[in-house]
All heavy atoms as atom14 arrays in JSON, in Angstrom:
{
  "sequence": "RAKEKSYPFAYLSDKDQSVAKLFDARKTPEAFILRPHSAGFHIV",
  "atom14_mask": [
    [1, 1, 1, 1, 1, 1, 1, 1, 1, 1, 1, 0, 0, 0],
    [1, 1, 1, 1, 1, 0, 0, 0, 0, 0, 0, 0, 0, 0],
    [1, 1, 1, 1, 1, 1, 1, 1, 1, 0, 0, 0, 0, 0],
    [1, 1, 1, 1, 1, 1, 1, 1, 1, 0, 0, 0, 0, 0],
    [1, 1, 1, 1, 1, 1, 1, 1, 1, 0, 0, 0, 0, 0],
    [1, 1, 1, 1, 1, 1, 0, 0, 0, 0, 0, 0, 0, 0],
    [1, 1, 1, 1, 1, 1, 1, 1, 1, 1, 1, 1, 0, 0],
    [1, 1, 1, 1, 1, 1, 1, 0, 0, 0, 0, 0, 0, 0],
    [1, 1, 1, 1, 1, 1, 1, 1, 1, 1, 1, 0, 0, 0],
    [1, 1, 1, 1, 1, 0, 0, 0, 0, 0, 0, 0, 0, 0],
    [1, 1, 1, 1, 1, 1, 1, 1, 1, 1, 1, 1, 0, 0],
    [1, 1, 1, 1, 1, 1, 1, 1, 0, 0, 0, 0, 0, 0],
    [1, 1, 1, 1, 1, 1, 0, 0, 0, 0, 0, 0, 0, 0],
    [1, 1, 1, 1, 1, 1, 1, 1, 0, 0, 0, 0, 0, 0],
    [1, 1, 1, 1, 1, 1, 1, 1, 1, 0, 0, 0, 0, 0],
    [1, 1, 1, 1, 1, 1, 1, 1, 0, 0, 0, 0, 0, 0],
    [1, 1, 1, 1, 1, 1, 1, 1, 1, 0, 0, 0, 0, 0],
    [1, 1, 1, 1, 1, 1, 0, 0, 0, 0, 0, 0, 0, 0],
    [1, 1, 1, 1, 1, 1, 1, 0, 0, 0, 0, 0, 0, 0],
    [1, 1, 1, 1, 1, 0, 0, 0, 0, 0, 0, 0, 0, 0],
    [1, 1, 1, 1, 1, 1, 1, 1, 1, 0, 0, 0, 0, 0],
    [1, 1, 1, 1, 1, 1, 1, 1, 0, 0, 0, 0, 0, 0],
    [1, 1, 1, 1, 1, 1, 1, 1, 1, 1, 1, 0, 0, 0],
    [1, 1, 1, 1, 1, 1, 1, 1, 0, 0, 0, 0, 0, 0],
    [1, 1, 1, 1, 1, 0, 0, 0, 0, 0, 0, 0, 0, 0],
    [1, 1, 1, 1, 1, 1, 1, 1, 1, 1, 1, 0, 0, 0],
    [1, 1, 1, 1, 1, 1, 1, 1, 1, 0, 0, 0, 0, 0],
    [1, 1, 1, 1, 1, 1, 1, 0, 0, 0, 0, 0, 0, 0],
    [1, 1, 1, 1, 1, 1, 1, 0, 0, 0, 0, 0, 0, 0],
    [1, 1, 1, 1, 1, 1, 1, 1, 1, 0, 0, 0, 0, 0],
    [1, 1, 1, 1, 1, 0, 0, 0, 0, 0, 0, 0, 0, 0],
    [1, 1, 1, 1, 1, 1, 1, 1, 1, 1, 1, 0, 0, 0],
    [1, 1, 1, 1, 1, 1, 1, 1, 0, 0, 0, 0, 0, 0],
    [1, 1, 1, 1, 1, 1, 1, 1, 0, 0, 0, 0, 0, 0],
    [1, 1, 1, 1, 1, 1, 1, 1, 1, 1, 1, 0, 0, 0],
    [1, 1, 1, 1, 1, 1, 1, 0, 0, 0, 0, 0, 0, 0],
    [1, 1, 1, 1, 1, 1, 1, 1, 1, 1, 0, 0, 0, 0],
    [1, 1, 1, 1, 1, 1, 0, 0, 0, 0, 0, 0, 0, 0],
    [1, 1, 1, 1, 1, 0, 0, 0, 0, 0, 0, 0, 0, 0],
    [1, 1, 1, 1, 0, 0, 0, 0, 0, 0, 0, 0, 0, 0],
    [1, 1, 1, 1, 1, 1, 1, 1, 1, 1, 1, 0, 0, 0],
    [1, 1, 1, 1, 1, 1, 1, 1, 1, 1, 0, 0, 0, 0],
    [1, 1, 1, 1, 1, 1, 1, 1, 0, 0, 0, 0, 0, 0],
    [1, 1, 1, 1, 1, 1, 1, 0, 0, 0, 0, 0, 0, 0]
  ],
  "atom14_positions": [
    [[116.38, -9.91, 51.45], [115.31, -10.75, 50.89], [115.4, -12.17, 51.43], [114.38, -12.79, 51.75], [115.39, -10.75, 49.36], [114.18, -11.36, 48.7], [112.97, -10.49, 48.93], [111.78, -11.07, 48.34], [110.56, -10.72, 48.67], [110.37, -9.77, 49.56], [109.53, -11.28, 48.11], [0.0, 0.0, 0.0], [0.0, 0.0, 0.0], [0.0, 0.0, 0.0]],
    [[116.6, -12.71, 51.51], [116.78, -14.08, 52.03], [116.29, -14.18, 53.47], [115.67, -15.17, 53.85], [118.26, -14.48, 51.94], [0.0, 0.0, 0.0], [0.0, 0.0, 0.0], [0.0, 0.0, 0.0], [0.0, 0.0, 0.0], [0.0, 0.0, 0.0], [0.0, 0.0, 0.0], [0.0, 0.0, 0.0], [0.0, 0.0, 0.0], [0.0, 0.0, 0.0]],
    [[116.52, -13.11, 54.27], [116.05, -13.1, 55.66], [114.54, -12.97, 55.72], [113.87, -13.66, 56.5], [116.72, -11.97, 56.44], [118.16, -12.24, 56.79], [118.78, -11.09, 57.56], [120.24, -11.38, 57.85], [120.92, -10.23, 58.46], [0.0, 0.0, 0.0], [0.0, 0.0, 0.0], [0.0, 0.0, 0.0], [0.0, 0.0, 0.0], [0.0, 0.0, 0.0]],
    [[113.98, -12.06, 54.92], [112.53, -11.85, 54.91], [111.77, -13.13, 54.56], [110.74, -13.43, 55.15], [112.15, -10.78, 53.87], [112.49, -9.37, 54.26], [112.27, -8.38, 53.11], [111.96, -8.79, 51.98], [112.45, -7.18, 53.37], [0.0, 0.0, 0.0], [0.0, 0.0, 0.0], [0.0, 0.0, 0.0], [0.0, 0.0, 0.0], [0.0, 0.0, 0.0]],
    [[112.29, -13.87, 53.59], [111.61, -15.09, 53.13], [112.09, -16.34, 53.86], [111.58, -17.42, 53.62], [111.83, -15.28, 51.62], [111.26, -14.18, 50.75], [109.76, -13.98, 50.94], [108.95, -15.12, 50.44], [107.49, -14.87, 50.55], [0.0, 0.0, 0.0], [0.0, 0.0, 0.0], [0.0, 0.0, 0.0], [0.0, 0.0, 0.0], [0.0, 0.0, 0.0]],
    [[113.07, -16.2, 54.76], [113.65, -17.34, 55.48], [114.09, -18.44, 54.51], [113.71, -19.61, 54.67], [112.65, -17.9, 56.51], [112.31, -16.92, 57.45], [0.0, 0.0, 0.0], [0.0, 0.0, 0.0], [0.0, 0.0, 0.0], [0.0, 0.0, 0.0], [0.0, 0.0, 0.0], [0.0, 0.0, 0.0], [0.0, 0.0, 0.0], [0.0, 0.0, 0.0]],
    [[114.88, -18.05, 53.52], [115.35, -19.03, 52.54], [116.07, -20.18, 53.24], [117.02, -19.95, 53.98], [116.3, -18.39, 51.54], [115.65, -17.57, 50.45], [116.41, -16.7, 49.69], [114.3, -17.69, 50.15], [115.85, -15.96, 48.67], [113.72, -16.95, 49.13], [114.5, -16.08, 48.39], [113.94, -15.35, 47.38], [0.0, 0.0, 0.0], [0.0, 0.0, 0.0]],
    [[115.65, -21.42, 52.98], [116.33, -22.56, 53.59], [117.51, -23.04, 52.74], [118.18, -24.0, 53.1], [115.22, -23.62, 53.62], [114.36, -23.31, 52.44], [114.41, -21.8, 52.29], [0.0, 0.0, 0.0], [0.0, 0.0, 0.0], [0.0, 0.0, 0.0], [0.0, 0.0, 0.0], [0.0, 0.0, 0.0], [0.0, 0.0, 0.0], [0.0, 0.0, 0.0]],
    [[117.74, -22.39, 51.6], [118.8, -22.79, 50.68], [119.76, -21.61, 50.48], [119.46, -20.48, 50.84], [118.23, -23.22, 49.32], [116.93, -22.58, 48.97], [116.81, -21.2, 48.78], [115.78, -23.34, 48.84], [115.6, -20.61, 48.47], [114.56, -22.76, 48.53], [114.47, -21.4, 48.34], [0.0, 0.0, 0.0], [0.0, 0.0, 0.0], [0.0, 0.0, 0.0]],
    [[120.91, -21.9, 49.89], [121.9, -20.86, 49.61], [121.34, -19.9, 48.56], [120.61, -20.3, 47.65], [123.19, -21.5, 49.11], [0.0, 0.0, 0.0], [0.0, 0.0, 0.0], [0.0, 0.0, 0.0], [0.0, 0.0, 0.0], [0.0, 0.0, 0.0], [0.0, 0.0, 0.0], [0.0, 0.0, 0.0], [0.0, 0.0, 0.0], [0.0, 0.0, 0.0]],
    [[121.7, -18.62, 48.7], [121.32, -17.59, 47.73], [122.63, -16.99, 47.23], [123.31, -16.26, 47.97], [120.43, -16.55, 48.4], [119.74, -15.57, 47.47], [119.58, -15.83, 46.11], [119.23, -14.37, 47.96], [118.94, -14.93, 45.27], [118.57, -13.47, 47.13], [118.44, -13.75, 45.79], [117.8, -12.85, 44.96], [0.0, 0.0, 0.0], [0.0, 0.0, 0.0]],
    [[122.99, -17.32, 46.0], [124.31, -17.02, 45.47], [124.3, -15.81, 44.54], [123.36, -15.62, 43.77], [124.85, -18.23, 44.71], [124.78, -19.58, 45.43], [125.34, -20.69, 44.55], [125.5, -19.53, 46.77], [0.0, 0.0, 0.0], [0.0, 0.0, 0.0], [0.0, 0.0, 0.0], [0.0, 0.0, 0.0], [0.0, 0.0, 0.0], [0.0, 0.0, 0.0]],
    [[125.37, -15.04, 44.59], [125.52, -13.86, 43.74], [126.41, -14.19, 42.54], [127.53, -14.69, 42.69], [126.17, -12.72, 44.55], [126.41, -11.61, 43.72], [0.0, 0.0, 0.0], [0.0, 0.0, 0.0], [0.0, 0.0, 0.0], [0.0, 0.0, 0.0], [0.0, 0.0, 0.0], [0.0, 0.0, 0.0], [0.0, 0.0, 0.0], [0.0, 0.0, 0.0]],
    [[125.89, -13.89, 41.34], [126.59, -14.14, 40.08], [126.55, -12.86, 39.23], [126.12, -12.87, 38.09], [125.92, -15.32, 39.34], [126.58, -15.67, 38.01], [127.81, -15.52, 37.89], [125.86, -16.09, 37.09], [0.0, 0.0, 0.0], [0.0, 0.0, 0.0], [0.0, 0.0, 0.0], [0.0, 0.0, 0.0], [0.0, 0.0, 0.0], [0.0, 0.0, 0.0]],
    [[126.98, -11.74, 39.83], [126.77, -10.44, 39.19], [127.53, -10.26, 37.88], [127.18, -9.41, 37.08], [127.08, -9.3, 40.16], [128.48, -9.25, 40.68], [128.61, -8.18, 41.74], [129.98, -8.21, 42.39], [130.05, -7.29, 43.51], [0.0, 0.0, 0.0], [0.0, 0.0, 0.0], [0.0, 0.0, 0.0], [0.0, 0.0, 0.0], [0.0, 0.0, 0.0]],
    [[128.55, -11.09, 37.61], [129.23, -11.0, 36.3], [128.64, -11.99, 35.29], [129.12, -12.09, 34.17], [130.74, -11.2, 36.45], [131.12, -12.6, 36.87], [130.23, -13.46, 37.11], [132.34, -12.87, 36.98], [0.0, 0.0, 0.0], [0.0, 0.0, 0.0], [0.0, 0.0, 0.0], [0.0, 0.0, 0.0], [0.0, 0.0, 0.0], [0.0, 0.0, 0.0]],
    [[127.61, -12.7, 35.69], [126.88, -13.67, 34.85], [127.75, -14.82, 34.36], [127.41, -15.51, 33.4], [126.21, -13.01, 33.63], [125.08, -12.08, 33.95], [125.57, -10.67, 34.13], [126.35, -10.17, 33.34], [125.11, -10.01, 35.17], [0.0, 0.0, 0.0], [0.0, 0.0, 0.0], [0.0, 0.0, 0.0], [0.0, 0.0, 0.0], [0.0, 0.0, 0.0]],
    [[128.88, -15.1, 35.0], [129.75, -16.18, 34.53], [129.06, -17.54, 34.64], [129.18, -18.38, 33.75], [131.07, -16.19, 35.31], [130.83, -16.36, 36.7], [0.0, 0.0, 0.0], [0.0, 0.0, 0.0], [0.0, 0.0, 0.0], [0.0, 0.0, 0.0], [0.0, 0.0, 0.0], [0.0, 0.0, 0.0], [0.0, 0.0, 0.0], [0.0, 0.0, 0.0]],
    [[128.33, -17.76, 35.73], [127.64, -19.05, 35.89], [126.38, -19.09, 35.03], [126.07, -20.12, 34.44], [127.34, -19.33, 37.38], [126.53, -20.59, 37.55], [128.66, -19.44, 38.15], [0.0, 0.0, 0.0], [0.0, 0.0, 0.0], [0.0, 0.0, 0.0], [0.0, 0.0, 0.0], [0.0, 0.0, 0.0], [0.0, 0.0, 0.0], [0.0, 0.0, 0.0]],
    [[125.67, -17.98, 34.92], [124.5, -17.93, 34.03], [124.9, -18.29, 32.6], [124.19, -19.03, 31.91], [123.84, -16.56, 34.08], [0.0, 0.0, 0.0], [0.0, 0.0, 0.0], [0.0, 0.0, 0.0], [0.0, 0.0, 0.0], [0.0, 0.0, 0.0], [0.0, 0.0, 0.0], [0.0, 0.0, 0.0], [0.0, 0.0, 0.0], [0.0, 0.0, 0.0]],
    [[126.05, -17.79, 32.16], [126.54, -18.1, 30.81], [126.91, -19.57, 30.7], [126.67, -20.2, 29.67], [127.73, -17.21, 30.46], [127.33, -15.77, 30.24], [128.54, -14.86, 30.07], [128.09, -13.41, 30.02], [129.2, -12.46, 30.15], [0.0, 0.0, 0.0], [0.0, 0.0, 0.0], [0.0, 0.0, 0.0], [0.0, 0.0, 0.0], [0.0, 0.0, 0.0]],
    [[127.48, -20.12, 31.75], [127.84, -21.54, 31.77], [126.6, -22.41, 31.54], [126.65, -23.4, 30.81], [128.48, -21.85, 33.12], [129.17, -23.18, 33.34], [130.39, -23.33, 32.44], [129.58, -23.3, 34.8], [0.0, 0.0, 0.0], [0.0, 0.0, 0.0], [0.0, 0.0, 0.0], [0.0, 0.0, 0.0], [0.0, 0.0, 0.0], [0.0, 0.0, 0.0]],
    [[125.5, -22.01, 32.15], [124.25, -22.76, 32.03], [123.45, -22.36, 30.79], [122.48, -23.02, 30.45], [123.38, -22.52, 33.26], [123.74, -23.34, 34.45], [124.82, -23.01, 35.25], [122.98, -24.45, 34.81], [125.15, -23.77, 36.37], [123.29, -25.21, 35.92], [124.39, -24.86, 36.7], [0.0, 0.0, 0.0], [0.0, 0.0, 0.0], [0.0, 0.0, 0.0]],
    [[123.79, -21.25, 30.18], [123.01, -20.65, 29.1], [121.64, -20.2, 29.62], [120.63, -20.3, 28.93], [122.87, -21.6, 27.91], [122.47, -20.87, 26.63], [122.73, -19.65, 26.53], [121.85, -21.49, 25.75], [0.0, 0.0, 0.0], [0.0, 0.0, 0.0], [0.0, 0.0, 0.0], [0.0, 0.0, 0.0], [0.0, 0.0, 0.0], [0.0, 0.0, 0.0]],
    [[121.62, -19.72, 30.86], [120.39, -19.19, 31.45], [120.12, -17.82, 30.86], [121.05, -17.03, 30.65], [120.53, -19.1, 32.97], [0.0, 0.0, 0.0], [0.0, 0.0, 0.0], [0.0, 0.0, 0.0], [0.0, 0.0, 0.0], [0.0, 0.0, 0.0], [0.0, 0.0, 0.0], [0.0, 0.0, 0.0], [0.0, 0.0, 0.0], [0.0, 0.0, 0.0]],
    [[118.85, -17.52, 30.61], [118.48, -16.24, 29.99], [117.48, -15.44, 30.81], [117.34, -14.25, 30.63], [117.86, -16.5, 28.62], [118.62, -17.46, 27.77], [119.24, -16.84, 26.63], [120.12, -17.83, 26.02], [120.76, -17.61, 24.94], [120.64, -16.47, 24.34], [121.55, -18.52, 24.43], [0.0, 0.0, 0.0], [0.0, 0.0, 0.0], [0.0, 0.0, 0.0]],
    [[116.74, -16.14, 31.68], [115.65, -15.47, 32.38], [115.69, -15.75, 33.87], [116.33, -16.68, 34.34], [114.3, -15.93, 31.82], [114.08, -15.49, 30.4], [112.64, -15.63, 30.0], [112.43, -15.03, 28.62], [111.08, -15.19, 28.16], [0.0, 0.0, 0.0], [0.0, 0.0, 0.0], [0.0, 0.0, 0.0], [0.0, 0.0, 0.0], [0.0, 0.0, 0.0]],
    [[114.93, -14.91, 34.6], [114.65, -15.19, 36.0], [113.13, -15.19, 36.15], [112.49, -14.26, 35.66], [115.28, -14.13, 36.93], [114.76, -12.84, 36.64], [116.79, -14.12, 36.8], [0.0, 0.0, 0.0], [0.0, 0.0, 0.0], [0.0, 0.0, 0.0], [0.0, 0.0, 0.0], [0.0, 0.0, 0.0], [0.0, 0.0, 0.0], [0.0, 0.0, 0.0]],
    [[112.56, -16.25, 36.7], [113.22, -17.47, 37.14], [113.43, -18.46, 35.99], [112.61, -18.52, 35.07], [112.23, -18.05, 38.16], [110.88, -17.62, 37.65], [111.1, -16.27, 37.02], [0.0, 0.0, 0.0], [0.0, 0.0, 0.0], [0.0, 0.0, 0.0], [0.0, 0.0, 0.0], [0.0, 0.0, 0.0], [0.0, 0.0, 0.0], [0.0, 0.0, 0.0]],
    [[114.52, -19.19, 36.06], [114.79, -20.3, 35.14], [115.43, -21.42, 35.95], [116.41, -21.18, 36.65], [115.69, -19.86, 33.99], [115.87, -20.93, 32.94], [116.53, -20.42, 31.66], [116.79, -19.2, 31.54], [116.79, -21.26, 30.77], [0.0, 0.0, 0.0], [0.0, 0.0, 0.0], [0.0, 0.0, 0.0], [0.0, 0.0, 0.0], [0.0, 0.0, 0.0]],
    [[114.85, -22.6, 35.86], [115.26, -23.73, 36.7], [116.06, -24.77, 35.92], [115.83, -24.96, 34.72], [114.03, -24.39, 37.32], [0.0, 0.0, 0.0], [0.0, 0.0, 0.0], [0.0, 0.0, 0.0], [0.0, 0.0, 0.0], [0.0, 0.0, 0.0], [0.0, 0.0, 0.0], [0.0, 0.0, 0.0], [0.0, 0.0, 0.0], [0.0, 0.0, 0.0]],
    [[116.95, -25.42, 36.62], [117.76, -26.51, 36.07], [117.8, -27.64, 37.08], [117.85, -27.4, 38.28], [119.2, -26.03, 35.83], [119.33, -24.98, 34.76], [119.02, -23.65, 35.05], [119.74, -25.3, 33.49], [119.13, -22.67, 34.08], [119.85, -24.32, 32.51], [119.54, -23.01, 32.8], [0.0, 0.0, 0.0], [0.0, 0.0, 0.0], [0.0, 0.0, 0.0]],
    [[117.81, -28.87, 36.56], [118.09, -30.03, 37.4], [119.39, -30.64, 36.89], [119.54, -30.89, 35.68], [116.96, -31.08, 37.34], [115.66, -30.5, 37.86], [117.35, -32.33, 38.15], [114.46, -31.41, 37.7], [0.0, 0.0, 0.0], [0.0, 0.0, 0.0], [0.0, 0.0, 0.0], [0.0, 0.0, 0.0], [0.0, 0.0, 0.0], [0.0, 0.0, 0.0]],
    [[120.3, -30.87, 37.82], [121.59, -31.47, 37.5], [121.66, -32.87, 38.11], [121.24, -33.07, 39.26], [122.73, -30.63, 38.05], [122.73, -29.14, 37.72], [123.91, -28.46, 38.4], [122.79, -28.93, 36.23], [0.0, 0.0, 0.0], [0.0, 0.0, 0.0], [0.0, 0.0, 0.0], [0.0, 0.0, 0.0], [0.0, 0.0, 0.0], [0.0, 0.0, 0.0]],
    [[122.21, -33.8, 37.35], [122.47, -35.15, 37.86], [123.99, -35.34, 37.91], [124.66, -35.18, 36.89], [121.85, -36.21, 36.96], [122.23, -37.63, 37.38], [121.67, -38.66, 36.43], [120.28, -38.9, 36.8], [119.33, -39.22, 35.93], [119.58, -39.3, 34.65], [118.1, -39.46, 36.35], [0.0, 0.0, 0.0], [0.0, 0.0, 0.0], [0.0, 0.0, 0.0]],
    [[124.53, -35.67, 39.09], [125.98, -35.88, 39.17], [126.44, -37.06, 38.32], [125.71, -38.05, 38.17], [126.2, -36.18, 40.66], [124.99, -35.68, 41.36], [123.87, -35.81, 40.38], [0.0, 0.0, 0.0], [0.0, 0.0, 0.0], [0.0, 0.0, 0.0], [0.0, 0.0, 0.0], [0.0, 0.0, 0.0], [0.0, 0.0, 0.0], [0.0, 0.0, 0.0]],
    [[127.62, -36.93, 37.74], [128.28, -38.05, 37.05], [129.78, -37.94, 37.32], [130.22, -37.02, 38.03], [127.95, -38.08, 35.56], [128.48, -36.92, 34.78], [129.74, -36.89, 34.21], [127.93, -35.71, 34.47], [129.93, -35.75, 33.58], [128.85, -35.0, 33.73], [0.0, 0.0, 0.0], [0.0, 0.0, 0.0], [0.0, 0.0, 0.0], [0.0, 0.0, 0.0]],
    [[130.57, -38.83, 36.81], [131.98, -38.92, 37.18], [132.77, -37.64, 36.91], [133.69, -37.31, 37.64], [132.64, -40.1, 36.48], [132.53, -39.94, 35.07], [0.0, 0.0, 0.0], [0.0, 0.0, 0.0], [0.0, 0.0, 0.0], [0.0, 0.0, 0.0], [0.0, 0.0, 0.0], [0.0, 0.0, 0.0], [0.0, 0.0, 0.0], [0.0, 0.0, 0.0]],
    [[132.43, -36.92, 35.84], [133.21, -35.72, 35.48], [132.5, -34.42, 35.81], [132.93, -33.35, 35.38], [133.55, -35.77, 33.99], [0.0, 0.0, 0.0], [0.0, 0.0, 0.0], [0.0, 0.0, 0.0], [0.0, 0.0, 0.0], [0.0, 0.0, 0.0], [0.0, 0.0, 0.0], [0.0, 0.0, 0.0], [0.0, 0.0, 0.0], [0.0, 0.0, 0.0]],
    [[131.43, -34.47, 36.54], [130.71, -33.24, 36.88], [129.22, -33.49, 37.02], [128.79, -34.37, 37.77], [0.0, 0.0, 0.0], [0.0, 0.0, 0.0], [0.0, 0.0, 0.0], [0.0, 0.0, 0.0], [0.0, 0.0, 0.0], [0.0, 0.0, 0.0], [0.0, 0.0, 0.0], [0.0, 0.0, 0.0], [0.0, 0.0, 0.0], [0.0, 0.0, 0.0]],
    [[128.42, -32.73, 36.27], [126.97, -32.8, 36.37], [126.36, -32.67, 34.96], [126.78, -31.82, 34.19], [126.42, -31.66, 37.22], [126.89, -31.68, 38.65], [128.14, -31.19, 39.0], [126.08, -32.19, 39.66], [128.59, -31.2, 40.31], [126.51, -32.21, 40.98], [127.76, -31.71, 41.3], [0.0, 0.0, 0.0], [0.0, 0.0, 0.0], [0.0, 0.0, 0.0]],
    [[125.38, -33.51, 34.67], [124.6, -33.37, 33.45], [123.36, -32.53, 33.74], [122.71, -32.74, 34.77], [124.1, -34.72, 32.92], [125.16, -35.56, 32.3], [125.98, -35.14, 31.29], [125.53, -36.84, 32.56], [126.81, -36.11, 30.95], [126.57, -37.15, 31.72], [0.0, 0.0, 0.0], [0.0, 0.0, 0.0], [0.0, 0.0, 0.0], [0.0, 0.0, 0.0]],
    [[123.02, -31.62, 32.84], [121.74, -30.93, 32.94], [120.69, -31.87, 32.36], [120.77, -32.27, 31.2], [121.75, -29.6, 32.16], [122.74, -28.62, 32.78], [120.34, -28.99, 32.14], [122.89, -27.31, 32.02], [0.0, 0.0, 0.0], [0.0, 0.0, 0.0], [0.0, 0.0, 0.0], [0.0, 0.0, 0.0], [0.0, 0.0, 0.0], [0.0, 0.0, 0.0]],
    [[119.7, -32.24, 33.18], [118.65, -33.15, 32.71], [117.31, -32.43, 32.52], [116.39, -32.99, 31.95], [118.49, -34.38, 33.62], [119.76, -35.23, 33.62], [118.12, -33.98, 35.05], [0.0, 0.0, 0.0], [0.0, 0.0, 0.0], [0.0, 0.0, 0.0], [0.0, 0.0, 0.0], [0.0, 0.0, 0.0], [0.0, 0.0, 0.0], [0.0, 0.0, 0.0]]
  ]
}
């Protein structure tokens, strides 16, 4: 799919949902904007 659509960005696999749980993501598609800060990133 990444090749067919010529994705210009990384396409990451999270098949154990560890990162989805970190974000509390529930759906696809669901978008987040992160702002960097000294200890990581804030979800804005």
